[in-house]
Amino acid sequence: MSDDVKDAGLVAMISSILGGNKRADSVAPPPLTEGPPTVPLNGAEAVAAPIAEAASTGQEDMPNAAPAAAEPVEQPAKIITTREGRQLLPAEAIADLVLGELRKLENFPATGASVTVYGYRHWNAMITFAPFSTNFQNATRFRQAMPDIVFKLRRFVELEI
């Protein structure tokens, strides 16, 4: 066998391992819906749902069971807005909003995705994936959808310092 044939086979094997000639640019992100983010504004809704769910499972039917410790529900904090009408939220809350929008996309992993919000006036977000939480094509699609989601959320939310 000649060296040219060996090199061609080696190049073909390497390109098939690395994804061949498929370009990440050809993957189009899904269209986004317009409107404000759909995440609870305070923790009261998030706490009230599990308590109501636990009460409906029939725990009161078990006389020997220890009573569940009732956690006090914090009063909802006053929502701070800017002159432009945007909500001031901490980075963790904005990361939850971005993650909530990403979870609406098809094939988004239930676990293993992390969003980091950084910056100040023009905040931005970065998404990272745990190993084996998604495949390369889906991760590329989610990363391409991220700028659109951030642009949409910047109209409604501002980073609190």
C-alpha atoms as a PDB file:
ATOM      1  CA  MET A   1       0.000   0.000   0.000  1.00  0.00           C
ATOM      2  CA  SER A   2       1.314   3.441  -0.880  1.00  0.00           C
ATOM      3  CA  ASP A   3       1.744   6.270   1.603  1.00  0.00           C
ATOM      4  CA  ASP A   4      -0.963   8.347  -0.147  1.00  0.00           C
ATOM      5  CA  VAL A   5      -3.557   5.615   0.399  1.00  0.00           C
ATOM      6  CA  LYS A   6      -2.544   5.249   4.057  1.00  0.00           C
ATOM      7  CA  ASP A   7      -2.743   9.036   4.572  1.00  0.00           C
ATOM      8  CA  ALA A   8      -6.181   9.227   2.930  1.00  0.00           C
ATOM      9  CA  GLY A   9      -7.462   6.429   5.164  1.00  0.00           C
ATOM     10  CA  LEU A  10      -5.999   8.065   8.248  1.00  0.00           C
ATOM     11  CA  VAL A  11      -7.545  11.428   7.355  1.00  0.00           C
ATOM     12  CA  ALA A  12     -10.928   9.751   6.744  1.00  0.00           C
ATOM     13  CA  MET A  13     -10.763   7.966  10.108  1.00  0.00           C
ATOM     14  CA  ILE A  14      -9.823  11.149  12.001  1.00  0.00           C
ATOM     15  CA  SER A  15     -12.515  13.214  10.291  1.00  0.00           C
ATOM     16  CA  SER A  16     -15.157  10.575  11.058  1.00  0.00           C
ATOM     17  CA  ILE A  17     -14.140  10.613  14.730  1.00  0.00           C
ATOM     18  CA  LEU A  18     -14.223  14.402  14.903  1.00  0.00           C
ATOM     19  CA  GLY A  19     -17.549  14.715  13.120  1.00  0.00           C
ATOM     20  CA  GLY A  20     -16.555  14.590   9.475  1.00  0.00           C
ATOM     21  CA  ASN A  21     -17.338  17.542   7.297  1.00  0.00           C
ATOM     22  CA  LYS A  22     -20.440  18.470   9.259  1.00  0.00           C
ATOM     23  CA  ARG A  23     -20.233  22.099  10.199  1.00  0.00           C
ATOM     24  CA  ALA A  24     -21.696  23.421  13.437  1.00  0.00           C
ATOM     25  CA  ASP A  25     -22.806  26.525  11.516  1.00  0.00           C
ATOM     26  CA  SER A  26     -25.379  24.511   9.575  1.00  0.00           C
ATOM     27  CA  VAL A  27     -27.375  23.755  12.732  1.00  0.00           C
ATOM     28  CA  ALA A  28     -30.068  26.399  13.085  1.00  0.00           C
ATOM     29  CA  PRO A  29     -31.319  27.341  16.548  1.00  0.00           C
ATOM     30  CA  PRO A  30     -35.047  26.912  17.139  1.00  0.00           C
ATOM     31  CA  PRO A  31     -37.289  29.982  16.967  1.00  0.00           C
ATOM     32  CA  LEU A  32     -37.955  31.755  20.238  1.00  0.00           C
ATOM     33  CA  THR A  33     -41.299  32.937  21.516  1.00  0.00           C
ATOM     34  CA  GLU A  34     -41.823  36.602  22.298  1.00  0.00           C
ATOM     35  CA  GLY A  35     -42.907  37.745  25.733  1.00  0.00           C
ATOM     36  CA  PRO A  36     -41.613  38.170  29.258  1.00  0.00           C
ATOM     37  CA  PRO A  37     -39.923  35.267  31.039  1.00  0.00           C
ATOM     38  CA  THR A  38     -42.163  32.701  32.710  1.00  0.00           C
ATOM     39  CA  VAL A  39     -40.480  31.974  36.030  1.00  0.00           C
ATOM     40  CA  PRO A  40     -41.987  32.676  39.480  1.00  0.00           C
ATOM     41  CA  LEU A  41     -41.132  36.182  40.643  1.00  0.00           C
ATOM     42  CA  ASN A  42     -40.690  35.127  44.256  1.00  0.00           C
ATOM     43  CA  GLY A  43     -40.059  31.937  46.172  1.00  0.00           C
ATOM     44  CA  ALA A  44     -43.595  31.694  47.579  1.00  0.00           C
ATOM     45  CA  GLU A  45     -44.988  29.811  44.561  1.00  0.00           C
ATOM     46  CA  ALA A  46     -42.011  27.450  44.497  1.00  0.00           C
ATOM     47  CA  VAL A  47     -42.444  26.605  48.203  1.00  0.00           C
ATOM     48  CA  ALA A  48     -46.246  26.430  48.214  1.00  0.00           C
ATOM     49  CA  ALA A  49     -46.480  23.823  45.435  1.00  0.00           C
ATOM     50  CA  PRO A  50     -44.430  21.074  47.211  1.00  0.00           C
ATOM     51  CA  ILE A  51     -46.297  21.694  50.486  1.00  0.00           C
ATOM     52  CA  ALA A  52     -49.682  21.336  48.783  1.00  0.00           C
ATOM     53  CA  GLU A  53     -48.445  18.257  46.928  1.00  0.00           C
ATOM     54  CA  ALA A  54     -47.223  16.621  50.154  1.00  0.00           C
ATOM     55  CA  ALA A  55     -50.569  17.285  51.817  1.00  0.00           C
ATOM     56  CA  SER A  56     -52.433  15.602  48.946  1.00  0.00           C
ATOM     57  CA  THR A  57     -50.340  12.395  49.131  1.00  0.00           C
ATOM     58  CA  GLY A  58     -52.205  11.232  52.205  1.00  0.00           C
ATOM     59  CA  GLN A  59     -49.654  11.854  54.918  1.00  0.00           C
ATOM     60  CA  GLU A  60     -52.458  12.698  57.329  1.00  0.00           C
ATOM     61  CA  ASP A  61     -53.706   9.090  57.042  1.00  0.00           C
ATOM     62  CA  MET A  62     -50.596   7.731  58.781  1.00  0.00           C
ATOM     63  CA  PRO A  63     -51.065   8.191  62.561  1.00  0.00           C
ATOM     64  CA  ASN A  64     -47.546   6.981  63.499  1.00  0.00           C
ATOM     65  CA  ALA A  65     -45.761   9.270  61.049  1.00  0.00           C
ATOM     66  CA  ALA A  66     -43.823  12.208  62.437  1.00  0.00           C
ATOM     67  CA  PRO A  67     -45.457  15.541  61.648  1.00  0.00           C
ATOM     68  CA  ALA A  68     -43.794  17.378  58.812  1.00  0.00           C
ATOM     69  CA  ALA A  69     -41.877  20.455  59.901  1.00  0.00           C
ATOM     70  CA  ALA A  70     -43.625  23.489  58.517  1.00  0.00           C
ATOM     71  CA  GLU A  71     -41.128  25.898  57.047  1.00  0.00           C
ATOM     72  CA  PRO A  72     -42.007  29.555  57.387  1.00  0.00           C
ATOM     73  CA  VAL A  73     -42.694  31.150  54.043  1.00  0.00           C
ATOM     74  CA  GLU A  74     -40.806  34.397  53.567  1.00  0.00           C
ATOM     75  CA  GLN A  75     -42.775  37.434  52.576  1.00  0.00           C
ATOM     76  CA  PRO A  76     -42.227  38.190  48.906  1.00  0.00           C
ATOM     77  CA  ALA A  77     -39.585  40.841  48.430  1.00  0.00           C
ATOM     78  CA  LYS A  78     -40.597  44.063  46.761  1.00  0.00           C
ATOM     79  CA  ILE A  79     -39.817  43.916  43.078  1.00  0.00           C
ATOM     80  CA  ILE A  80     -37.327  46.632  42.225  1.00  0.00           C
ATOM     81  CA  THR A  81     -37.619  48.117  38.755  1.00  0.00           C
ATOM     82  CA  THR A  82     -35.555  50.621  36.812  1.00  0.00           C
ATOM     83  CA  ARG A  83     -36.816  53.766  35.101  1.00  0.00           C
ATOM     84  CA  GLU A  84     -37.128  51.786  31.871  1.00  0.00           C
ATOM     85  CA  GLY A  85     -39.412  49.269  33.596  1.00  0.00           C
ATOM     86  CA  ARG A  86     -36.881  46.432  33.824  1.00  0.00           C
ATOM     87  CA  GLN A  87     -36.676  44.255  36.924  1.00  0.00           C
ATOM     88  CA  LEU A  88     -33.439  44.328  38.915  1.00  0.00           C
ATOM     89  CA  LEU A  89     -32.480  40.731  39.682  1.00  0.00           C
ATOM     90  CA  PRO A  90     -29.330  39.062  41.047  1.00  0.00           C
ATOM     91  CA  ALA A  91     -27.173  36.946  38.735  1.00  0.00           C
ATOM     92  CA  GLU A  92     -28.550  33.663  40.158  1.00  0.00           C
ATOM     93  CA  ALA A  93     -32.136  34.666  39.372  1.00  0.00           C
ATOM     94  CA  ILE A  94     -31.223  35.695  35.833  1.00  0.00           C
ATOM     95  CA  ALA A  95     -29.368  32.389  35.376  1.00  0.00           C
ATOM     96  CA  ASP A  96     -32.541  30.569  36.449  1.00  0.00           C
ATOM     97  CA  LEU A  97     -34.542  32.582  33.907  1.00  0.00           C
ATOM     98  CA  VAL A  98     -32.114  31.719  31.113  1.00  0.00           C
ATOM     99  CA  LEU A  99     -32.105  28.057  32.134  1.00  0.00           C
ATOM    100  CA  GLY A 100     -35.906  28.082  32.203  1.00  0.00           C
ATOM    101  CA  GLU A 101     -36.009  29.435  28.654  1.00  0.00           C
ATOM    102  CA  LEU A 102     -33.464  26.842  27.508  1.00  0.00           C
ATOM    103  CA  ARG A 103     -35.502  24.025  29.054  1.00  0.00           C
ATOM    104  CA  LYS A 104     -38.308  24.914  26.647  1.00  0.00           C
ATOM    105  CA  LEU A 105     -36.101  23.779  23.756  1.00  0.00           C
ATOM    106  CA  GLU A 106     -36.405  20.256  22.413  1.00  0.00           C
ATOM    107  CA  ASN A 107     -33.909  17.672  23.783  1.00  0.00           C
ATOM    108  CA  PHE A 108     -32.518  20.005  26.464  1.00  0.00           C
ATOM    109  CA  PRO A 109     -30.938  17.829  29.203  1.00  0.00           C
ATOM    110  CA  ALA A 110     -32.766  17.606  32.535  1.00  0.00           C
ATOM    111  CA  THR A 111     -29.460  17.643  34.423  1.00  0.00           C
ATOM    112  CA  GLY A 112     -25.881  18.575  33.681  1.00  0.00           C
ATOM    113  CA  ALA A 113     -26.393  22.072  32.276  1.00  0.00           C
ATOM    114  CA  SER A 114     -25.156  25.158  34.094  1.00  0.00           C
ATOM    115  CA  VAL A 115     -25.688  28.831  33.225  1.00  0.00           C
ATOM    116  CA  THR A 116     -23.364  31.584  34.448  1.00  0.00           C
ATOM    117  CA  VAL A 117     -24.399  35.246  34.223  1.00  0.00           C
ATOM    118  CA  TYR A 118     -21.641  37.842  34.096  1.00  0.00           C
ATOM    119  CA  GLY A 119     -21.123  41.492  33.248  1.00  0.00           C
ATOM    120  CA  TYR A 120     -22.875  44.630  34.434  1.00  0.00           C
ATOM    121  CA  ARG A 121     -24.851  46.936  32.159  1.00  0.00           C
ATOM    122  CA  HIS A 122     -24.880  44.626  29.196  1.00  0.00           C
ATOM    123  CA  TRP A 123     -24.854  41.349  31.105  1.00  0.00           C
ATOM    124  CA  ASN A 124     -24.273  38.129  29.263  1.00  0.00           C
ATOM    125  CA  ALA A 125     -24.678  34.429  29.958  1.00  0.00           C
ATOM    126  CA  MET A 126     -22.569  31.348  29.361  1.00  0.00           C
ATOM    127  CA  ILE A 127     -23.780  27.753  29.287  1.00  0.00           C
ATOM    128  CA  THR A 128     -21.669  24.719  30.186  1.00  0.00           C
ATOM    129  CA  PHE A 129     -22.550  21.047  30.010  1.00  0.00           C
ATOM    130  CA  ALA A 130     -21.402  18.162  32.170  1.00  0.00           C
ATOM    131  CA  PRO A 131     -19.794  15.278  30.303  1.00  0.00           C
ATOM    132  CA  PHE A 132     -22.335  12.972  28.635  1.00  0.00           C
ATOM    133  CA  SER A 133     -25.296  15.237  29.469  1.00  0.00           C
ATOM    134  CA  THR A 134     -25.936  15.980  25.782  1.00  0.00           C
ATOM    135  CA  ASN A 135     -24.394  15.373  22.397  1.00  0.00           C
ATOM    136  CA  PHE A 136     -22.302  17.793  20.358  1.00  0.00           C
ATOM    137  CA  GLN A 137     -25.042  18.753  17.883  1.00  0.00           C
ATOM    138  CA  ASN A 138     -27.569  19.571  20.622  1.00  0.00           C
ATOM    139  CA  ALA A 139     -24.986  21.487  22.670  1.00  0.00           C
ATOM    140  CA  THR A 140     -24.151  23.533  19.577  1.00  0.00           C
ATOM    141  CA  ARG A 141     -27.843  24.221  18.969  1.00  0.00           C
ATOM    142  CA  PHE A 142     -28.332  25.364  22.586  1.00  0.00           C
ATOM    143  CA  ARG A 143     -25.249  27.594  22.457  1.00  0.00           C
ATOM    144  CA  GLN A 144     -26.507  29.174  19.245  1.00  0.00           C
ATOM    145  CA  ALA A 145     -29.896  29.848  20.850  1.00  0.00           C
ATOM    146  CA  MET A 146     -28.278  31.497  23.884  1.00  0.00           C
ATOM    147  CA  PRO A 147     -27.634  34.979  22.346  1.00  0.00           C
ATOM    148  CA  ASP A 148     -31.275  35.261  21.267  1.00  0.00           C
ATOM    149  CA  ILE A 149     -32.495  34.303  24.736  1.00  0.00           C
ATOM    150  CA  VAL A 150     -30.124  36.789  26.406  1.00  0.00           C
ATOM    151  CA  PHE A 151     -31.162  39.551  23.997  1.00  0.00           C
ATOM    152  CA  LYS A 152     -34.833  38.877  24.737  1.00  0.00           C
ATOM    153  CA  LEU A 153     -34.326  38.788  28.522  1.00  0.00           C
ATOM    154  CA  ARG A 154     -32.252  41.998  28.553  1.00  0.00           C
ATOM    155  CA  ARG A 155     -35.417  43.862  27.543  1.00  0.00           C
ATOM    156  CA  PHE A 156     -37.142  42.727  30.760  1.00  0.00           C
ATOM    157  CA  VAL A 157     -34.334  42.157  33.279  1.00  0.00           C
ATOM    158  CA  GLU A 158     -31.296  44.098  34.467  1.00  0.00           C
ATOM    159  CA  LEU A 159     -28.464  42.712  36.583  1.00  0.00           C
ATOM    160  CA  GLU A 160     -28.485  43.831  40.198  1.00  0.00           C
ATOM    161  CA  ILE A 161     -25.165  44.731  41.762  1.00  0.00           C
END
